[in-house]
Amino acid sequence: MQNYKKVLVPIDVYSDYEKVVERAVNIAQSADDIYLLYVAYPQTNVEPYGLFLERDYSEEVREQAKSALTEIANKFAIPVSNTKVEIGSPADEIHYQAEKLEADLIVIGTHGQSGLKLLLGSTANAVLHGVKRDVLAVKVG
């Protein structure tokens, strides 16, 4: 198997992620080569007109996710400096961060349940389109 020097691991800190991170740890040359990413949808995706929300929760979401990523990084001996939280479209942010990092591999979890998304899941499927990196989809559910 190819030696991957930079492995981007986008995970949902509120879902099954352990198997995905474990697979990345097993593939990477070192835990220092793993970069954890969490992407939260913008508040406008949840409430497009902001009619019912009294304030912007983006910073709270970012802080909670950063805290969760720090715990995950510590558990797997990944440097906390290799964690990142972004707000945006998951597939777009994953593509952008993979390019910016010059990642050799993206390891992503998948748990699609039905239809065309049965094989991958919507985010994993979207990541595959237009990606210039190797992608490993890990079945998590």
N, C-alpha and C. Protein backbone atom coordinates (compact mmCIF):
# COMPACT_ATOMS: atom_id res chain seq x y z
N MET A 1 0.84 -1.18 0.00
CA MET A 1 0.00 0.00 0.00
C MET A 1 0.89 1.24 0.00
N GLN A 2 0.45 2.27 -0.67
CA GLN A 2 1.17 3.52 -0.76
C GLN A 2 1.35 4.16 0.62
N ASN A 3 2.50 4.79 0.83
CA ASN A 3 2.71 5.52 2.07
C ASN A 3 2.09 6.90 1.95
N TYR A 4 1.12 7.17 2.78
CA TYR A 4 0.44 8.45 2.76
C TYR A 4 1.05 9.35 3.82
N LYS A 5 1.47 10.54 3.41
CA LYS A 5 2.14 11.46 4.33
C LYS A 5 1.18 12.44 4.99
N LYS A 6 0.09 12.75 4.31
CA LYS A 6 -0.91 13.64 4.88
C LYS A 6 -2.28 13.03 4.63
N VAL A 7 -2.97 12.71 5.70
CA VAL A 7 -4.26 12.04 5.62
C VAL A 7 -5.32 12.96 6.24
N LEU A 8 -6.24 13.41 5.43
CA LEU A 8 -7.34 14.25 5.91
C LEU A 8 -8.49 13.34 6.30
N VAL A 9 -9.01 13.54 7.52
CA VAL A 9 -10.08 12.71 8.04
C VAL A 9 -11.24 13.60 8.46
N PRO A 10 -12.16 13.86 7.53
CA PRO A 10 -13.36 14.62 7.91
C PRO A 10 -14.32 13.71 8.66
N ILE A 11 -14.73 14.14 9.85
CA ILE A 11 -15.62 13.32 10.66
C ILE A 11 -16.76 14.17 11.21
N ASP A 12 -17.81 13.48 11.57
CA ASP A 12 -18.91 14.10 12.29
C ASP A 12 -18.70 13.74 13.75
N VAL A 13 -18.35 14.72 14.56
CA VAL A 13 -18.03 14.46 15.97
C VAL A 13 -19.25 13.99 16.76
N TYR A 14 -20.44 14.11 16.16
CA TYR A 14 -21.68 13.71 16.83
C TYR A 14 -22.24 12.40 16.28
N SER A 15 -21.41 11.66 15.56
CA SER A 15 -21.85 10.42 14.94
C SER A 15 -20.76 9.37 15.11
N ASP A 16 -20.91 8.24 14.43
CA ASP A 16 -19.89 7.19 14.49
C ASP A 16 -18.65 7.64 13.72
N TYR A 17 -17.56 7.79 14.41
CA TYR A 17 -16.33 8.24 13.78
C TYR A 17 -15.14 7.33 14.13
N GLU A 18 -15.25 6.55 15.19
CA GLU A 18 -14.12 5.78 15.71
C GLU A 18 -13.48 4.89 14.64
N LYS A 19 -14.29 4.17 13.92
CA LYS A 19 -13.78 3.24 12.89
C LYS A 19 -13.03 4.01 11.80
N VAL A 20 -13.51 5.19 11.47
CA VAL A 20 -12.88 6.01 10.44
C VAL A 20 -11.50 6.47 10.90
N VAL A 21 -11.43 6.99 12.13
CA VAL A 21 -10.15 7.47 12.66
C VAL A 21 -9.18 6.30 12.84
N GLU A 22 -9.68 5.19 13.34
CA GLU A 22 -8.83 4.01 13.50
C GLU A 22 -8.23 3.57 12.17
N ARG A 23 -9.04 3.57 11.11
CA ARG A 23 -8.53 3.18 9.79
C ARG A 23 -7.44 4.14 9.33
N ALA A 24 -7.66 5.44 9.55
CA ALA A 24 -6.66 6.44 9.17
C ALA A 24 -5.36 6.23 9.95
N VAL A 25 -5.48 5.96 11.24
CA VAL A 25 -4.30 5.72 12.07
C VAL A 25 -3.53 4.50 11.56
N ASN A 26 -4.24 3.47 11.13
CA ASN A 26 -3.59 2.27 10.62
C ASN A 26 -2.91 2.48 9.27
N ILE A 27 -3.41 3.44 8.50
CA ILE A 27 -2.86 3.69 7.16
C ILE A 27 -1.72 4.70 7.18
N ALA A 28 -1.85 5.72 8.00
CA ALA A 28 -0.85 6.79 8.03
C ALA A 28 0.49 6.29 8.56
N GLN A 29 1.56 6.94 8.14
CA GLN A 29 2.88 6.58 8.64
C GLN A 29 2.99 6.89 10.13
N SER A 30 2.29 7.93 10.56
CA SER A 30 2.35 8.38 11.95
C SER A 30 1.07 9.14 12.26
N ALA A 31 0.71 9.19 13.53
CA ALA A 31 -0.47 9.98 13.94
C ALA A 31 -0.26 11.46 13.63
N ASP A 32 0.99 11.89 13.53
CA ASP A 32 1.30 13.28 13.17
C ASP A 32 0.88 13.60 11.73
N ASP A 33 0.62 12.58 10.92
CA ASP A 33 0.25 12.76 9.52
C ASP A 33 -1.26 12.84 9.33
N ILE A 34 -2.01 12.76 10.41
CA ILE A 34 -3.47 12.76 10.33
C ILE A 34 -4.01 14.14 10.70
N TYR A 35 -4.97 14.60 9.90
CA TYR A 35 -5.59 15.91 10.10
C TYR A 35 -7.10 15.70 10.21
N LEU A 36 -7.65 16.03 11.37
CA LEU A 36 -9.08 15.86 11.60
C LEU A 36 -9.83 17.14 11.22
N LEU A 37 -10.97 16.96 10.56
CA LEU A 37 -11.78 18.09 10.11
C LEU A 37 -13.23 17.84 10.45
N TYR A 38 -13.87 18.85 11.01
CA TYR A 38 -15.32 18.82 11.21
C TYR A 38 -15.91 20.02 10.49
N VAL A 39 -16.93 19.78 9.69
CA VAL A 39 -17.59 20.87 8.96
C VAL A 39 -19.04 20.93 9.42
N ALA A 40 -19.43 22.09 9.93
CA ALA A 40 -20.81 22.33 10.35
C ALA A 40 -21.51 23.12 9.26
N TYR A 41 -22.76 22.80 9.05
CA TYR A 41 -23.55 23.58 8.10
C TYR A 41 -23.74 24.98 8.63
N PRO A 42 -23.75 25.98 7.76
CA PRO A 42 -24.02 27.34 8.22
C PRO A 42 -25.44 27.44 8.79
N GLN A 43 -25.62 28.35 9.69
CA GLN A 43 -26.92 28.54 10.33
C GLN A 43 -28.00 28.81 9.30
N THR A 44 -27.65 29.45 8.20
CA THR A 44 -28.65 29.75 7.17
C THR A 44 -29.18 28.49 6.52
N ASN A 45 -28.43 27.39 6.58
CA ASN A 45 -28.95 26.13 6.04
C ASN A 45 -30.03 25.56 6.94
N VAL A 46 -29.96 25.89 8.21
CA VAL A 46 -30.94 25.40 9.17
C VAL A 46 -32.15 26.33 9.20
N GLU A 47 -31.89 27.61 9.19
CA GLU A 47 -32.96 28.62 9.22
C GLU A 47 -32.60 29.68 8.18
N PRO A 48 -32.97 29.48 6.91
CA PRO A 48 -32.48 30.30 5.81
C PRO A 48 -32.74 31.80 5.95
N TYR A 49 -33.79 32.19 6.59
CA TYR A 49 -34.08 33.61 6.69
C TYR A 49 -33.81 34.17 8.08
N GLY A 50 -33.39 33.32 8.99
CA GLY A 50 -33.09 33.77 10.33
C GLY A 50 -34.28 34.35 11.07
N LEU A 51 -35.46 34.00 10.68
CA LEU A 51 -36.66 34.59 11.27
C LEU A 51 -36.89 34.16 12.71
N PHE A 52 -36.47 32.94 13.04
CA PHE A 52 -36.80 32.42 14.35
C PHE A 52 -35.59 32.32 15.27
N LEU A 53 -34.44 32.63 14.76
CA LEU A 53 -33.24 32.57 15.59
C LEU A 53 -32.89 33.96 16.08
N GLU A 54 -32.69 34.06 17.37
CA GLU A 54 -32.41 35.36 17.96
C GLU A 54 -30.95 35.76 17.83
N ARG A 55 -30.07 34.79 17.63
CA ARG A 55 -28.65 35.12 17.51
C ARG A 55 -27.94 34.08 16.66
N ASP A 56 -26.72 34.38 16.32
CA ASP A 56 -25.89 33.49 15.51
C ASP A 56 -25.20 32.49 16.43
N TYR A 57 -25.40 31.22 16.18
CA TYR A 57 -24.84 30.17 17.01
C TYR A 57 -23.54 29.60 16.44
N SER A 58 -23.01 30.16 15.37
CA SER A 58 -21.84 29.62 14.69
C SER A 58 -20.64 29.47 15.61
N GLU A 59 -20.39 30.47 16.45
CA GLU A 59 -19.21 30.42 17.32
C GLU A 59 -19.38 29.33 18.39
N GLU A 60 -20.58 29.17 18.90
CA GLU A 60 -20.84 28.09 19.87
C GLU A 60 -20.62 26.72 19.23
N VAL A 61 -21.15 26.55 18.03
CA VAL A 61 -20.98 25.29 17.29
C VAL A 61 -19.49 25.03 17.07
N ARG A 62 -18.78 26.05 16.66
CA ARG A 62 -17.34 25.92 16.41
C ARG A 62 -16.60 25.50 17.69
N GLU A 63 -16.90 26.14 18.80
CA GLU A 63 -16.22 25.83 20.06
C GLU A 63 -16.54 24.42 20.55
N GLN A 64 -17.80 24.02 20.46
CA GLN A 64 -18.18 22.67 20.89
C GLN A 64 -17.50 21.61 20.02
N ALA A 65 -17.49 21.84 18.72
CA ALA A 65 -16.86 20.88 17.80
C ALA A 65 -15.35 20.84 18.02
N LYS A 66 -14.74 22.00 18.26
CA LYS A 66 -13.29 22.05 18.50
C LYS A 66 -12.95 21.26 19.76
N SER A 67 -13.78 21.40 20.79
CA SER A 67 -13.58 20.66 22.03
C SER A 67 -13.68 19.15 21.78
N ALA A 68 -14.68 18.75 21.02
CA ALA A 68 -14.85 17.32 20.68
C ALA A 68 -13.67 16.81 19.86
N LEU A 69 -13.22 17.59 18.89
CA LEU A 69 -12.07 17.19 18.07
C LEU A 69 -10.80 17.07 18.91
N THR A 70 -10.65 17.95 19.89
CA THR A 70 -9.48 17.89 20.77
C THR A 70 -9.49 16.58 21.55
N GLU A 71 -10.65 16.19 22.07
CA GLU A 71 -10.76 14.91 22.79
C GLU A 71 -10.42 13.73 21.88
N ILE A 72 -10.93 13.77 20.66
CA ILE A 72 -10.66 12.68 19.71
C ILE A 72 -9.17 12.63 19.37
N ALA A 73 -8.59 13.80 19.12
CA ALA A 73 -7.16 13.86 18.80
C ALA A 73 -6.33 13.29 19.96
N ASN A 74 -6.65 13.68 21.17
CA ASN A 74 -5.91 13.17 22.33
C ASN A 74 -6.06 11.65 22.46
N LYS A 75 -7.25 11.16 22.22
CA LYS A 75 -7.51 9.71 22.32
C LYS A 75 -6.66 8.90 21.34
N PHE A 76 -6.43 9.46 20.14
CA PHE A 76 -5.70 8.75 19.10
C PHE A 76 -4.26 9.26 18.92
N ALA A 77 -3.79 10.08 19.87
CA ALA A 77 -2.42 10.63 19.83
C ALA A 77 -2.14 11.46 18.58
N ILE A 78 -3.18 12.13 18.09
CA ILE A 78 -3.05 13.04 16.95
C ILE A 78 -2.80 14.43 17.51
N PRO A 79 -1.86 15.18 16.98
CA PRO A 79 -1.61 16.52 17.50
C PRO A 79 -2.87 17.39 17.40
N VAL A 80 -3.19 18.09 18.48
CA VAL A 80 -4.37 18.96 18.50
C VAL A 80 -4.24 20.04 17.42
N SER A 81 -3.02 20.42 17.09
CA SER A 81 -2.81 21.42 16.03
C SER A 81 -3.25 20.89 14.66
N ASN A 82 -3.48 19.59 14.55
CA ASN A 82 -3.94 18.98 13.30
C ASN A 82 -5.46 18.84 13.26
N THR A 83 -6.16 19.64 14.03
CA THR A 83 -7.63 19.63 14.02
C THR A 83 -8.14 20.96 13.51
N LYS A 84 -9.28 20.90 12.83
CA LYS A 84 -9.85 22.12 12.25
C LYS A 84 -11.36 22.00 12.21
N VAL A 85 -12.03 23.10 12.52
CA VAL A 85 -13.48 23.18 12.42
C VAL A 85 -13.81 24.27 11.42
N GLU A 86 -14.67 23.97 10.47
CA GLU A 86 -15.10 24.95 9.47
C GLU A 86 -16.63 24.99 9.43
N ILE A 87 -17.14 26.10 8.99
CA ILE A 87 -18.58 26.27 8.77
C ILE A 87 -18.78 26.40 7.27
N GLY A 88 -19.63 25.55 6.69
CA GLY A 88 -19.86 25.62 5.25
C GLY A 88 -20.45 24.33 4.71
N SER A 89 -20.37 24.18 3.41
CA SER A 89 -20.82 22.96 2.76
C SER A 89 -19.77 21.88 2.99
N PRO A 90 -20.14 20.75 3.60
CA PRO A 90 -19.13 19.73 3.90
C PRO A 90 -18.27 19.31 2.71
N ALA A 91 -18.88 18.96 1.60
CA ALA A 91 -18.09 18.50 0.45
C ALA A 91 -17.15 19.59 -0.05
N ASP A 92 -17.64 20.81 -0.16
CA ASP A 92 -16.80 21.92 -0.63
C ASP A 92 -15.64 22.18 0.32
N GLU A 93 -15.92 22.17 1.61
CA GLU A 93 -14.87 22.40 2.60
C GLU A 93 -13.85 21.27 2.61
N ILE A 94 -14.32 20.04 2.46
CA ILE A 94 -13.39 18.90 2.42
C ILE A 94 -12.48 19.03 1.20
N HIS A 95 -13.05 19.35 0.05
CA HIS A 95 -12.22 19.55 -1.15
C HIS A 95 -11.20 20.66 -0.92
N TYR A 96 -11.67 21.79 -0.38
CA TYR A 96 -10.80 22.94 -0.16
C TYR A 96 -9.67 22.61 0.81
N GLN A 97 -10.02 21.98 1.93
CA GLN A 97 -9.01 21.67 2.94
C GLN A 97 -8.02 20.62 2.43
N ALA A 98 -8.48 19.67 1.63
CA ALA A 98 -7.57 18.67 1.06
C ALA A 98 -6.56 19.33 0.13
N GLU A 99 -7.03 20.28 -0.67
CA GLU A 99 -6.12 21.01 -1.56
C GLU A 99 -5.14 21.86 -0.76
N LYS A 100 -5.65 22.60 0.20
CA LYS A 100 -4.84 23.49 1.03
C LYS A 100 -3.77 22.70 1.79
N LEU A 101 -4.14 21.57 2.31
CA LEU A 101 -3.23 20.72 3.08
C LEU A 101 -2.29 19.93 2.18
N GLU A 102 -2.68 19.79 0.91
CA GLU A 102 -1.98 18.91 -0.03
C GLU A 102 -2.02 17.48 0.49
N ALA A 103 -3.21 17.08 0.91
CA ALA A 103 -3.41 15.73 1.45
C ALA A 103 -3.19 14.68 0.37
N ASP A 104 -2.64 13.57 0.77
CA ASP A 104 -2.44 12.43 -0.13
C ASP A 104 -3.67 11.53 -0.15
N LEU A 105 -4.44 11.57 0.95
CA LEU A 105 -5.58 10.67 1.10
C LEU A 105 -6.65 11.34 1.95
N ILE A 106 -7.90 11.09 1.58
CA ILE A 106 -9.04 11.49 2.40
C ILE A 106 -9.70 10.21 2.88
N VAL A 107 -9.86 10.07 4.19
CA VAL A 107 -10.54 8.92 4.77
C VAL A 107 -11.86 9.43 5.32
N ILE A 108 -12.96 8.93 4.78
CA ILE A 108 -14.28 9.44 5.15
C ILE A 108 -15.21 8.29 5.49
N GLY A 109 -16.07 8.52 6.46
CA GLY A 109 -17.05 7.52 6.84
C GLY A 109 -18.26 7.58 5.95
N THR A 110 -18.92 6.46 5.82
CA THR A 110 -20.12 6.41 5.00
C THR A 110 -21.16 5.51 5.67
N HIS A 111 -22.39 5.95 5.60
CA HIS A 111 -23.48 5.15 6.17
C HIS A 111 -24.77 5.36 5.40
N GLY A 112 -24.64 5.58 4.10
CA GLY A 112 -25.82 5.76 3.26
C GLY A 112 -26.77 4.58 3.38
N GLN A 113 -28.05 4.86 3.34
CA GLN A 113 -29.03 3.82 3.61
C GLN A 113 -29.88 3.41 2.41
N SER A 114 -30.12 4.34 1.46
CA SER A 114 -31.08 3.99 0.42
C SER A 114 -30.75 4.64 -0.91
N GLY A 115 -31.35 4.10 -1.96
CA GLY A 115 -31.23 4.69 -3.29
C GLY A 115 -29.80 4.74 -3.78
N LEU A 116 -29.50 5.76 -4.60
CA LEU A 116 -28.16 5.92 -5.17
C LEU A 116 -27.13 6.12 -4.07
N LYS A 117 -27.54 6.67 -2.95
CA LYS A 117 -26.62 6.94 -1.86
C LYS A 117 -26.36 5.70 -1.01
N LEU A 118 -26.94 4.56 -1.38
CA LEU A 118 -26.78 3.34 -0.62
C LEU A 118 -25.30 2.97 -0.45
N LEU A 119 -24.52 3.16 -1.49
CA LEU A 119 -23.12 2.76 -1.43
C LEU A 119 -22.26 3.70 -0.60
N LEU A 120 -22.53 4.99 -0.65
CA LEU A 120 -21.62 5.93 -0.01
C LEU A 120 -22.22 6.84 1.03
N GLY A 121 -23.36 7.37 0.80
CA GLY A 121 -23.88 8.44 1.63
C GLY A 121 -23.68 9.75 0.90
N SER A 122 -24.49 10.72 1.20
CA SER A 122 -24.50 11.94 0.40
C SER A 122 -23.19 12.73 0.48
N THR A 123 -22.60 12.90 1.66
CA THR A 123 -21.36 13.67 1.76
C THR A 123 -20.22 12.93 1.10
N ALA A 124 -20.08 11.64 1.40
CA ALA A 124 -18.99 10.87 0.78
C ALA A 124 -19.13 10.86 -0.73
N ASN A 125 -20.34 10.73 -1.23
CA ASN A 125 -20.59 10.75 -2.66
C ASN A 125 -20.19 12.11 -3.26
N ALA A 126 -20.57 13.18 -2.59
CA ALA A 126 -20.22 14.52 -3.07
C ALA A 126 -18.71 14.76 -3.03
N VAL A 127 -18.03 14.22 -2.05
CA VAL A 127 -16.58 14.39 -1.95
C VAL A 127 -15.89 13.72 -3.13
N LEU A 128 -16.39 12.57 -3.56
CA LEU A 128 -15.77 11.86 -4.68
C LEU A 128 -15.81 12.64 -5.98
N HIS A 129 -16.83 13.45 -6.18
CA HIS A 129 -16.95 14.21 -7.42
C HIS A 129 -15.98 15.37 -7.43
N GLY A 130 -15.04 15.30 -8.35
CA GLY A 130 -14.09 16.39 -8.53
C GLY A 130 -12.88 16.36 -7.61
N VAL A 131 -12.75 15.33 -6.80
CA VAL A 131 -11.61 15.26 -5.89
C VAL A 131 -10.35 14.86 -6.65
N LYS A 132 -9.22 15.42 -6.23
CA LYS A 132 -7.95 15.13 -6.89
C LYS A 132 -7.05 14.29 -6.00
N ARG A 133 -7.63 13.68 -5.01
CA ARG A 133 -6.89 12.88 -4.03
C ARG A 133 -7.48 11.48 -3.99
N ASP A 134 -6.70 10.55 -3.43
CA ASP A 134 -7.26 9.22 -3.16
C ASP A 134 -8.28 9.38 -2.04
N VAL A 135 -9.34 8.58 -2.11
CA VAL A 135 -10.38 8.60 -1.08
C VAL A 135 -10.64 7.18 -0.62
N LEU A 136 -10.68 7.00 0.70
CA LEU A 136 -11.04 5.73 1.28
C LEU A 136 -12.35 5.94 2.02
N ALA A 137 -13.40 5.25 1.59
CA ALA A 137 -14.70 5.32 2.25
C ALA A 137 -14.80 4.14 3.21
N VAL A 138 -15.02 4.46 4.48
CA VAL A 138 -15.08 3.44 5.53
C VAL A 138 -16.53 3.28 5.97
N LYS A 139 -17.06 2.08 5.85
CA LYS A 139 -18.44 1.79 6.25
C LYS A 139 -18.53 1.86 7.77
N VAL A 140 -19.44 2.71 8.28
CA VAL A 140 -19.55 2.90 9.72
C VAL A 140 -20.89 2.47 10.30
N GLY A 141 -21.80 2.07 9.51
CA GLY A 141 -23.10 1.72 10.08
C GLY A 141 -23.74 0.55 9.40
